[in-house]
Amino acid sequence: MYPGKIERRKNFERRDDIDLCDSIFADTWRDELRDIDKHEIVSVICEKIGPCPSNFSVAEAIFEDMKYEITKYVIHHIYSREDGVRSRLLLWLDEKTNPDNTIKLSDFINKYFK
């Protein structure tokens, strides 16, 4: 192989991004699928907590409180080890997990860089 060819391959970034919002399903069906997936996760959390029927609302609260932190953990420590992660996704997760820090950063940027 030619040295130039090797160098170009190293700098090549393959993009297989898909937009999950663009699908064959209408918005109502996507919302239904999202709710089904959420229900399955909440059900598993509820099983771990215990059989009391009121635990389902506790499990739902746990899901809502932890969903971005769990996503951030999986992306940072499991997924990115092999595949890498786009910076926009990491910034979005940081915004969701630390909204106060995002506001502080935005205020700082607006104050000193505008």
Protein backbone atom coordinates (compact mmCIF):
# COMPACT_ATOMS: atom_id res chain seq x y z
CA MET A 1 0.00 0.00 0.00
CA TYR A 2 1.00 3.57 -0.53
CA PRO A 3 1.76 5.72 2.54
CA GLY A 4 -0.77 8.36 1.44
CA LYS A 5 -3.49 5.76 1.25
CA ILE A 6 -2.82 4.59 4.81
CA GLU A 7 -2.88 8.16 6.09
CA ARG A 8 -6.20 8.87 4.38
CA ARG A 9 -7.77 5.76 5.92
CA LYS A 10 -6.74 6.81 9.42
CA ASN A 11 -8.48 10.15 9.00
CA PHE A 12 -11.58 8.65 7.41
CA GLU A 13 -14.66 8.84 9.62
CA ARG A 14 -17.40 6.42 8.76
CA ARG A 15 -20.91 7.72 9.34
CA ASP A 16 -23.71 5.26 9.82
CA ASP A 17 -25.93 7.67 11.72
CA ILE A 18 -29.62 7.12 11.46
CA ASP A 19 -32.44 9.34 12.57
CA LEU A 20 -34.70 7.24 14.76
CA CYS A 21 -37.48 9.77 14.32
CA ASP A 22 -37.59 9.10 10.58
CA SER A 23 -39.36 5.79 10.37
CA ILE A 24 -42.28 4.14 8.69
CA PHE A 25 -44.39 4.71 11.80
CA ALA A 26 -46.47 7.81 12.49
CA ASP A 27 -45.85 9.89 15.61
CA THR A 28 -48.63 8.15 17.54
CA TRP A 29 -47.09 4.74 16.86
CA ARG A 30 -43.62 5.94 17.85
CA ASP A 31 -45.06 7.34 21.07
CA GLU A 32 -46.77 4.01 21.72
CA LEU A 33 -43.54 2.09 21.11
CA ARG A 34 -41.67 4.45 23.44
CA ASP A 35 -44.28 3.91 26.16
CA ILE A 36 -44.11 0.13 25.71
CA ASP A 37 -40.32 0.15 26.07
CA LYS A 38 -40.55 2.39 29.13
CA HIS A 39 -43.20 0.14 30.67
CA GLU A 40 -41.00 -2.93 30.22
CA ILE A 41 -38.07 -1.23 31.96
CA VAL A 42 -40.27 0.07 34.78
CA SER A 43 -41.72 -3.43 35.20
CA VAL A 44 -38.24 -4.90 35.66
CA ILE A 45 -37.38 -2.23 38.24
CA CYS A 46 -40.67 -2.97 40.00
CA GLU A 47 -39.88 -6.71 40.12
CA LYS A 48 -36.55 -5.92 41.81
CA ILE A 49 -38.18 -3.64 44.40
CA GLY A 50 -40.90 -6.09 45.40
CA PRO A 51 -44.41 -7.28 44.68
CA CYS A 52 -46.37 -4.42 46.29
CA PRO A 53 -48.61 -2.73 43.65
CA SER A 54 -47.59 0.74 44.85
CA ASN A 55 -44.01 -0.08 43.89
CA PHE A 56 -44.85 0.47 40.24
CA SER A 57 -45.10 4.23 40.79
CA VAL A 58 -41.85 4.11 42.79
CA ALA A 59 -40.20 2.19 39.93
CA GLU A 60 -41.46 4.78 37.44
CA ALA A 61 -40.00 7.58 39.57
CA ILE A 62 -36.67 5.73 39.75
CA PHE A 63 -36.70 5.34 35.96
CA GLU A 64 -37.40 9.03 35.40
CA ASP A 65 -34.74 10.10 37.92
CA MET A 66 -32.04 7.75 36.62
CA LYS A 67 -32.60 7.36 32.87
CA TYR A 68 -30.01 9.94 31.77
CA GLU A 69 -27.43 8.89 34.36
CA ILE A 70 -27.74 5.26 33.29
CA THR A 71 -27.53 6.27 29.62
CA LYS A 72 -24.44 8.36 30.33
CA TYR A 73 -22.81 5.44 32.16
CA VAL A 74 -23.53 3.00 29.33
CA ILE A 75 -22.34 5.42 26.64
CA HIS A 76 -19.16 6.43 28.48
CA HIS A 77 -18.07 3.11 29.93
CA ILE A 78 -19.50 0.37 27.76
CA TYR A 79 -20.42 1.56 24.27
CA SER A 80 -17.64 4.10 23.65
CA ARG A 81 -14.89 1.60 24.44
CA GLU A 82 -15.27 0.01 21.04
CA ASP A 83 -17.23 2.41 18.85
CA GLY A 84 -16.54 5.96 19.96
CA VAL A 85 -19.23 8.54 20.60
CA ARG A 86 -20.22 11.78 18.90
CA SER A 87 -19.58 14.87 20.98
CA ARG A 88 -23.16 16.16 20.44
CA LEU A 89 -24.51 13.09 22.27
CA LEU A 90 -22.13 13.59 25.20
CA LEU A 91 -23.00 17.27 25.47
CA TRP A 92 -26.70 16.45 25.37
CA LEU A 93 -26.30 13.84 28.13
CA ASP A 94 -24.29 16.28 30.26
CA GLU A 95 -27.07 18.82 29.82
CA LYS A 96 -29.66 16.26 30.94
CA THR A 97 -27.68 14.96 33.92
CA ASN A 98 -26.29 18.33 35.10
CA PRO A 99 -28.67 21.09 34.01
CA ASP A 100 -27.26 23.51 36.59
CA ASN A 101 -23.76 23.16 35.14
CA THR A 102 -25.13 23.80 31.66
CA ILE A 103 -26.77 27.02 32.81
CA LYS A 104 -23.54 28.14 34.52
CA LEU A 105 -21.49 27.39 31.41
CA SER A 106 -23.96 29.18 29.17
CA ASP A 107 -23.94 32.23 31.45
CA PHE A 108 -20.12 32.22 31.48
CA ILE A 109 -19.91 31.99 27.68
CA ASN A 110 -22.49 34.75 27.24
CA LYS A 111 -20.70 36.99 29.71
CA TYR A 112 -17.11 36.61 28.50
CA PHE A 113 -17.32 35.58 24.86
CA LYS A 114 -20.08 37.74 23.41
